[in-house]
C-alpha cells in the first residue's frame, strides 16, 4: 500500500490561558460568545468543511484553533 499526504493537514497548539485572556482583552472579545460558520450560498465548493465543530465559543477557538506563537505566512499578511 502506498500513502501520499494531502495538503489539508493542520496542527494547532493549545494556547495558554494568559495568552487567550490577553488576546480577548485587546480585541474586545467575549470568551463565552458562540459563533457558527454559515456556508456561502455563492461558493462553488458546496462540500467545503470547517476545521472544527460549529457553533463554537470564542474561548474554544482561541484556545485550540489559532496559533499565537507560530510564524505568520506571507499569504496571511
PDB file of N, CA and C in Angstrom:
ATOM      1  N   UNK A   1       0.853  -1.168   0.000  1.00  0.00           N
ATOM      2  CA  UNK A   1       0.000   0.000   0.000  1.00  0.00           C
ATOM      3  C   UNK A   1       0.905   1.239   0.000  1.00  0.00           C
ATOM      4  N   UNK A   2       0.552   2.203  -0.789  1.00  0.00           N
ATOM      5  CA  UNK A   2       1.284   3.467  -0.852  1.00  0.00           C
ATOM      6  C   UNK A   2       0.407   4.568  -0.279  1.00  0.00           C
ATOM      7  N   UNK A   3       1.034   5.437   0.505  1.00  0.00           N
ATOM      8  CA  UNK A   3       0.287   6.542   1.106  1.00  0.00           C
ATOM      9  C   UNK A   3       0.922   7.846   0.675  1.00  0.00           C
ATOM     10  N   UNK A   4       0.118   8.771   0.219  1.00  0.00           N
ATOM     11  CA  UNK A   4       0.588  10.100  -0.166  1.00  0.00           C
ATOM     12  C   UNK A   4      -0.176  11.121   0.664  1.00  0.00           C
ATOM     13  N   UNK A   5       0.552  12.035   1.286  1.00  0.00           N
ATOM     14  CA  UNK A   5      -0.097  13.023   2.145  1.00  0.00           C
ATOM     15  C   UNK A   5      -0.880  14.035   1.323  1.00  0.00           C
ATOM     16  N   UNK A   6      -1.876  14.592   1.939  1.00  0.00           N
ATOM     17  CA  UNK A   6      -2.675  15.647   1.326  1.00  0.00           C
ATOM     18  C   UNK A   6      -2.177  17.001   1.819  1.00  0.00           C
ATOM     19  N   UNK A   7      -2.727  18.058   1.274  1.00  0.00           N
ATOM     20  CA  UNK A   7      -2.321  19.404   1.694  1.00  0.00           C
ATOM     21  C   UNK A   7      -3.315  20.006   2.676  1.00  0.00           C
ATOM     22  N   UNK A   8      -4.113  19.182   3.306  1.00  0.00           N
ATOM     23  CA  UNK A   8      -5.164  19.704   4.172  1.00  0.00           C
ATOM     24  C   UNK A   8      -4.957  19.362   5.644  1.00  0.00           C
ATOM     25  N   UNK A   9      -3.730  19.098   6.047  1.00  0.00           N
ATOM     26  CA  UNK A   9      -3.456  18.786   7.441  1.00  0.00           C
ATOM     27  C   UNK A   9      -3.084  20.056   8.191  1.00  0.00           C
ATOM     28  N   UNK A  10      -3.721  20.284   9.322  1.00  0.00           N
ATOM     29  CA  UNK A  10      -3.389  21.434  10.162  1.00  0.00           C
ATOM     30  C   UNK A  10      -3.252  20.949  11.596  1.00  0.00           C
ATOM     31  N   UNK A  11      -2.183  21.369  12.238  1.00  0.00           N
ATOM     32  CA  UNK A  11      -1.960  21.021  13.634  1.00  0.00           C
ATOM     33  C   UNK A  11      -1.901  22.326  14.421  1.00  0.00           C
ATOM     34  N   UNK A  12      -2.799  22.467  15.362  1.00  0.00           N
ATOM     35  CA  UNK A  12      -2.874  23.684  16.146  1.00  0.00           C
ATOM     36  C   UNK A  12      -2.466  23.399  17.587  1.00  0.00           C
ATOM     37  N   UNK A  13      -1.681  24.267  18.198  1.00  0.00           N
ATOM     38  CA  UNK A  13      -1.289  24.075  19.592  1.00  0.00           C
ATOM     39  C   UNK A  13      -2.425  24.511  20.522  1.00  0.00           C
ATOM     40  N   UNK A  14      -2.331  24.117  21.769  1.00  0.00           N
ATOM     41  CA  UNK A  14      -3.260  24.626  22.768  1.00  0.00           C
ATOM     42  C   UNK A  14      -2.600  25.864  23.370  1.00  0.00           C
ATOM     43  N   UNK A  15      -3.257  26.997  23.247  1.00  0.00           N
ATOM     44  CA  UNK A  15      -2.716  28.253  23.758  1.00  0.00           C
ATOM     45  C   UNK A  15      -2.942  28.376  25.263  1.00  0.00           C
ATOM     46  N   UNK A  16      -2.088  29.128  25.904  1.00  0.00           N
ATOM     47  CA  UNK A  16      -2.179  29.307  27.352  1.00  0.00           C
ATOM     48  C   UNK A  16      -3.347  30.216  27.715  1.00  0.00           C
ATOM     49  N   UNK A  17      -3.844  30.039  28.922  1.00  0.00           N
ATOM     50  CA  UNK A  17      -4.944  30.875  29.440  1.00  0.00           C
ATOM     51  C   UNK A  17      -4.552  32.349  29.420  1.00  0.00           C
ATOM     52  N   UNK A  18      -3.316  32.624  29.774  1.00  0.00           N
ATOM     53  CA  UNK A  18      -2.810  34.014  29.794  1.00  0.00           C
ATOM     54  C   UNK A  18      -2.900  34.632  28.396  1.00  0.00           C
ATOM     55  N   UNK A  19      -2.443  33.903  27.375  1.00  0.00           N
ATOM     56  CA  UNK A  19      -2.487  34.417  26.005  1.00  0.00           C
ATOM     57  C   UNK A  19      -3.920  34.610  25.521  1.00  0.00           C
ATOM     58  N   UNK A  20      -4.795  33.670  25.886  1.00  0.00           N
ATOM     59  CA  UNK A  20      -6.203  33.758  25.481  1.00  0.00           C
ATOM     60  C   UNK A  20      -6.846  35.004  26.083  1.00  0.00           C
ATOM     61  N   UNK A  21      -6.639  35.211  27.374  1.00  0.00           N
ATOM     62  CA  UNK A  21      -7.224  36.370  28.062  1.00  0.00           C
ATOM     63  C   UNK A  21      -6.672  37.677  27.502  1.00  0.00           C
ATOM     64  N   UNK A  22      -5.372  37.719  27.216  1.00  0.00           N
ATOM     65  CA  UNK A  22      -4.763  38.934  26.672  1.00  0.00           C
ATOM     66  C   UNK A  22      -5.313  39.243  25.281  1.00  0.00           C
ATOM     67  N   UNK A  23      -5.426  38.241  24.448  1.00  0.00           N
ATOM     68  CA  UNK A  23      -5.970  38.430  23.099  1.00  0.00           C
ATOM     69  C   UNK A  23      -7.420  38.915  23.168  1.00  0.00           C
ATOM     70  N   UNK A  24      -8.225  38.273  23.997  1.00  0.00           N
ATOM     71  CA  UNK A  24      -9.633  38.644  24.133  1.00  0.00           C
ATOM     72  C   UNK A  24      -9.782  40.074  24.633  1.00  0.00           C
ATOM     73  N   UNK A  25      -8.928  40.463  25.571  1.00  0.00           N
ATOM     74  CA  UNK A  25      -8.997  41.829  26.104  1.00  0.00           C
ATOM     75  C   UNK A  25      -8.618  42.855  25.035  1.00  0.00           C
ATOM     76  N   UNK A  26      -7.543  42.602  24.311  1.00  0.00           N
ATOM     77  CA  UNK A  26      -7.088  43.536  23.268  1.00  0.00           C
ATOM     78  C   UNK A  26      -8.139  43.700  22.176  1.00  0.00           C
ATOM     79  N   UNK A  27      -8.749  42.601  21.780  1.00  0.00           N
ATOM     80  CA  UNK A  27      -9.713  42.636  20.682  1.00  0.00           C
ATOM     81  C   UNK A  27     -11.157  42.865  21.128  1.00  0.00           C
ATOM     82  N   UNK A  28     -11.380  42.909  22.449  1.00  0.00           N
ATOM     83  CA  UNK A  28     -12.725  43.157  22.965  1.00  0.00           C
ATOM     84  C   UNK A  28     -13.668  41.984  22.771  1.00  0.00           C
ATOM     85  N   UNK A  29     -13.140  40.760  22.818  1.00  0.00           N
ATOM     86  CA  UNK A  29     -13.957  39.561  22.631  1.00  0.00           C
ATOM     87  C   UNK A  29     -14.586  39.111  23.937  1.00  0.00           C
ATOM     88  N   UNK A  30     -15.798  38.587  23.857  1.00  0.00           N
ATOM     89  CA  UNK A  30     -16.462  37.924  24.970  1.00  0.00           C
ATOM     90  C   UNK A  30     -16.184  36.437  24.807  1.00  0.00           C
ATOM     91  N   UNK A  31     -15.407  35.857  25.711  1.00  0.00           N
ATOM     92  CA  UNK A  31     -14.978  34.470  25.583  1.00  0.00           C
ATOM     93  C   UNK A  31     -16.126  33.472  25.616  1.00  0.00           C
ATOM     94  N   UNK A  32     -17.258  33.847  26.180  1.00  0.00           N
ATOM     95  CA  UNK A  32     -18.407  32.940  26.256  1.00  0.00           C
ATOM     96  C   UNK A  32     -19.305  33.019  25.022  1.00  0.00           C
ATOM     97  N   UNK A  33     -19.081  34.020  24.183  1.00  0.00           N
ATOM     98  CA  UNK A  33     -19.892  34.205  22.972  1.00  0.00           C
ATOM     99  C   UNK A  33     -19.691  33.030  22.028  1.00  0.00           C
ATOM    100  N   UNK A  34     -20.776  32.542  21.471  1.00  0.00           N
ATOM    101  CA  UNK A  34     -20.700  31.455  20.493  1.00  0.00           C
ATOM    102  C   UNK A  34     -20.883  32.024  19.098  1.00  0.00           C
ATOM    103  N   UNK A  35     -20.249  31.372  18.139  1.00  0.00           N
ATOM    104  CA  UNK A  35     -20.444  31.749  16.749  1.00  0.00           C
ATOM    105  C   UNK A  35     -20.486  30.491  15.901  1.00  0.00           C
ATOM    106  N   UNK A  36     -21.024  30.633  14.717  1.00  0.00           N
ATOM    107  CA  UNK A  36     -21.139  29.497  13.801  1.00  0.00           C
ATOM    108  C   UNK A  36     -20.729  29.946  12.412  1.00  0.00           C
ATOM    109  N   UNK A  37     -20.176  29.017  11.663  1.00  0.00           N
ATOM    110  CA  UNK A  37     -19.870  29.277  10.268  1.00  0.00           C
ATOM    111  C   UNK A  37     -21.070  28.883   9.434  1.00  0.00           C
ATOM    112  N   UNK A  38     -21.436  29.764   8.530  1.00  0.00           N
ATOM    113  CA  UNK A  38     -22.564  29.501   7.648  1.00  0.00           C
ATOM    114  C   UNK A  38     -22.009  29.412   6.223  1.00  0.00           C
ATOM    115  N   UNK A  39     -22.288  28.334   5.517  1.00  0.00           N
ATOM    116  CA  UNK A  39     -21.761  28.197   4.156  1.00  0.00           C
ATOM    117  C   UNK A  39     -22.211  29.352   3.257  1.00  0.00           C
ATOM    118  N   UNK A  40     -21.302  29.821   2.427  1.00  0.00           N
ATOM    119  CA  UNK A  40     -21.612  30.867   1.468  1.00  0.00           C
ATOM    120  C   UNK A  40     -22.457  30.262   0.351  1.00  0.00           C
ATOM    121  N   UNK A  41     -23.670  30.759   0.141  1.00  0.00           N
ATOM    122  CA  UNK A  41     -24.538  30.177  -0.888  1.00  0.00           C
ATOM    123  C   UNK A  41     -23.974  30.366  -2.299  1.00  0.00           C
ATOM    124  N   UNK A  42     -23.061  31.314  -2.497  1.00  0.00           N
ATOM    125  CA  UNK A  42     -22.479  31.580  -3.813  1.00  0.00           C
ATOM    126  C   UNK A  42     -21.194  30.798  -4.058  1.00  0.00           C
ATOM    127  N   UNK A  43     -20.744  30.051  -3.063  1.00  0.00           N
ATOM    128  CA  UNK A  43     -19.492  29.308  -3.187  1.00  0.00           C
ATOM    129  C   UNK A  43     -19.642  28.146  -4.160  1.00  0.00           C
ATOM    130  N   UNK A  44     -18.585  27.920  -4.928  1.00  0.00           N
ATOM    131  CA  UNK A  44     -18.573  26.786  -5.848  1.00  0.00           C
ATOM    132  C   UNK A  44     -18.216  25.500  -5.119  1.00  0.00           C
ATOM    133  N   UNK A  45     -17.659  25.624  -3.923  1.00  0.00           N
ATOM    134  CA  UNK A  45     -17.286  24.459  -3.119  1.00  0.00           C
ATOM    135  C   UNK A  45     -18.435  24.128  -2.164  1.00  0.00           C
ATOM    136  N   UNK A  46     -19.408  23.428  -2.637  1.00  0.00           N
ATOM    137  CA  UNK A  46     -20.605  23.113  -1.842  1.00  0.00           C
ATOM    138  C   UNK A  46     -20.314  22.146  -0.703  1.00  0.00           C
ATOM    139  N   UNK A  47     -19.256  21.364  -0.830  1.00  0.00           N
ATOM    140  CA  UNK A  47     -18.960  20.358   0.192  1.00  0.00           C
ATOM    141  C   UNK A  47     -17.810  20.778   1.113  1.00  0.00           C
ATOM    142  N   UNK A  48     -17.454  22.068   1.126  1.00  0.00           N
ATOM    143  CA  UNK A  48     -16.351  22.545   1.968  1.00  0.00           C
ATOM    144  C   UNK A  48     -16.672  22.287   3.437  1.00  0.00           C
ATOM    145  N   UNK A  49     -15.658  21.839   4.168  1.00  0.00           N
ATOM    146  CA  UNK A  49     -15.838  21.537   5.586  1.00  0.00           C
ATOM    147  C   UNK A  49     -15.037  22.514   6.430  1.00  0.00           C
ATOM    148  N   UNK A  50     -15.502  22.748   7.636  1.00  0.00           N
ATOM    149  CA  UNK A  50     -14.812  23.624   8.574  1.00  0.00           C
ATOM    150  C   UNK A  50     -13.826  22.802   9.396  1.00  0.00           C
ATOM    151  N   UNK A  51     -12.732  23.433   9.848  1.00  0.00           N
ATOM    152  CA  UNK A  51     -11.725  22.671  10.590  1.00  0.00           C
ATOM    153  C   UNK A  51     -12.123  22.330  12.017  1.00  0.00           C
ATOM    154  N   UNK A  52     -13.283  22.797  12.479  1.00  0.00           N
ATOM    155  CA  UNK A  52     -13.735  22.489  13.837  1.00  0.00           C
ATOM    156  C   UNK A  52     -15.250  22.520  13.893  1.00  0.00           C
ATOM    157  N   UNK A  53     -15.784  22.016  15.004  1.00  0.00           N
ATOM    158  CA  UNK A  53     -17.241  21.947  15.140  1.00  0.00           C
ATOM    159  C   UNK A  53     -17.846  23.357  15.180  1.00  0.00           C
ATOM    160  N   UNK A  54     -19.101  23.455  14.877  1.00  0.00           N
ATOM    161  CA  UNK A  54     -19.776  24.743  14.837  1.00  0.00           C
ATOM    162  C   UNK A  54     -21.210  24.528  15.313  1.00  0.00           C
ATOM    163  N   UNK A  55     -21.724  25.340  16.238  1.00  0.00           N
ATOM    164  CA  UNK A  55     -21.138  26.555  16.818  1.00  0.00           C
ATOM    165  C   UNK A  55     -20.029  26.231  17.822  1.00  0.00           C
ATOM    166  N   UNK A  56     -19.223  27.238  18.075  1.00  0.00           N
ATOM    167  CA  UNK A  56     -18.067  27.124  18.960  1.00  0.00           C
ATOM    168  C   UNK A  56     -17.941  28.430  19.744  1.00  0.00           C
ATOM    169  N   UNK A  57     -17.413  28.347  20.965  1.00  0.00           N
ATOM    170  CA  UNK A  57     -17.211  29.574  21.733  1.00  0.00           C
ATOM    171  C   UNK A  57     -15.934  30.264  21.272  1.00  0.00           C
ATOM    172  N   UNK A  58     -15.871  31.557  21.504  1.00  0.00           N
ATOM    173  CA  UNK A  58     -14.666  32.322  21.190  1.00  0.00           C
ATOM    174  C   UNK A  58     -13.476  31.746  21.958  1.00  0.00           C
ATOM    175  N   UNK A  59     -13.696  31.363  23.217  1.00  0.00           N
ATOM    176  CA  UNK A  59     -12.607  30.796  24.026  1.00  0.00           C
ATOM    177  C   UNK A  59     -12.078  29.511  23.409  1.00  0.00           C
ATOM    178  N   UNK A  60     -12.961  28.627  22.968  1.00  0.00           N
ATOM    179  CA  UNK A  60     -12.526  27.376  22.335  1.00  0.00           C
ATOM    180  C   UNK A  60     -11.725  27.654  21.065  1.00  0.00           C
ATOM    181  N   UNK A  61     -12.191  28.598  20.269  1.00  0.00           N
ATOM    182  CA  UNK A  61     -11.490  28.933  19.029  1.00  0.00           C
ATOM    183  C   UNK A  61     -10.096  29.484  19.328  1.00  0.00           C
ATOM    184  N   UNK A  62     -10.002  30.397  20.299  1.00  0.00           N
ATOM    185  CA  UNK A  62      -8.701  30.975  20.648  1.00  0.00           C
ATOM    186  C   UNK A  62      -7.784  29.953  21.317  1.00  0.00           C
ATOM    187  N   UNK A  63      -8.355  29.047  22.075  1.00  0.00           N
ATOM    188  CA  UNK A  63      -7.552  28.075  22.815  1.00  0.00           C
ATOM    189  C   UNK A  63      -6.985  26.981  21.914  1.00  0.00           C
ATOM    190  N   UNK A  64      -7.789  26.456  21.010  1.00  0.00           N
ATOM    191  CA  UNK A  64      -7.393  25.269  20.265  1.00  0.00           C
ATOM    192  C   UNK A  64      -7.131  25.459  18.769  1.00  0.00           C
ATOM    193  N   UNK A  65      -7.625  26.518  18.157  1.00  0.00           N
ATOM    194  CA  UNK A  65      -7.586  26.596  16.705  1.00  0.00           C
ATOM    195  C   UNK A  65      -6.858  27.804  16.125  1.00  0.00           C
ATOM    196  N   UNK A  66      -6.150  28.552  16.944  1.00  0.00           N
ATOM    197  CA  UNK A  66      -5.370  29.692  16.478  1.00  0.00           C
ATOM    198  C   UNK A  66      -3.974  29.583  17.061  1.00  0.00           C
ATOM    199  N   UNK A  67      -2.974  29.731  16.205  1.00  0.00           N
ATOM    200  CA  UNK A  67      -1.587  29.629  16.648  1.00  0.00           C
ATOM    201  C   UNK A  67      -1.051  31.032  16.942  1.00  0.00           C
ATOM    202  N   UNK A  68      -0.960  31.377  18.222  1.00  0.00           N
ATOM    203  CA  UNK A  68      -0.463  32.698  18.623  1.00  0.00           C
ATOM    204  C   UNK A  68       1.054  32.822  18.466  1.00  0.00           C
ATOM    205  N   UNK A  69       1.757  31.726  18.519  1.00  0.00           N
ATOM    206  CA  UNK A  69       3.222  31.763  18.599  1.00  0.00           C
ATOM    207  C   UNK A  69       3.937  31.415  17.297  1.00  0.00           C
ATOM    208  N   UNK A  70       3.251  30.857  16.346  1.00  0.00           N
ATOM    209  CA  UNK A  70       3.896  30.419  15.117  1.00  0.00           C
ATOM    210  C   UNK A  70       4.181  31.572  14.165  1.00  0.00           C
ATOM    211  N   UNK A  71       5.038  31.321  13.187  1.00  0.00           N
ATOM    212  CA  UNK A  71       5.345  32.365  12.194  1.00  0.00           C
ATOM    213  C   UNK A  71       4.130  32.657  11.321  1.00  0.00           C
ATOM    214  N   UNK A  72       3.982  33.899  10.944  1.00  0.00           N
ATOM    215  CA  UNK A  72       2.864  34.296  10.097  1.00  0.00           C
ATOM    216  C   UNK A  72       3.273  34.110   8.638  1.00  0.00           C
ATOM    217  N   UNK A  73       2.382  33.578   7.844  1.00  0.00           N
ATOM    218  CA  UNK A  73       2.688  33.335   6.435  1.00  0.00           C
ATOM    219  C   UNK A  73       2.475  34.610   5.623  1.00  0.00           C
ATOM    220  N   UNK A  74       3.233  34.734   4.562  1.00  0.00           N
ATOM    221  CA  UNK A  74       3.127  35.880   3.683  1.00  0.00           C
ATOM    222  C   UNK A  74       1.704  36.016   3.139  1.00  0.00           C
ATOM    223  N   UNK A  75       1.081  34.884   2.801  1.00  0.00           N
ATOM    224  CA  UNK A  75      -0.278  34.876   2.267  1.00  0.00           C
ATOM    225  C   UNK A  75      -1.267  35.462   3.274  1.00  0.00           C
ATOM    226  N   UNK A  76      -1.048  35.180   4.562  1.00  0.00           N
ATOM    227  CA  UNK A  76      -1.937  35.676   5.610  1.00  0.00           C
ATOM    228  C   UNK A  76      -1.841  37.197   5.733  1.00  0.00           C
ATOM    229  N   UNK A  77      -0.628  37.717   5.597  1.00  0.00           N
ATOM    230  CA  UNK A  77      -0.443  39.174   5.682  1.00  0.00           C
ATOM    231  C   UNK A  77      -1.130  39.850   4.539  1.00  0.00           C
TER     232      UNK A  77
END
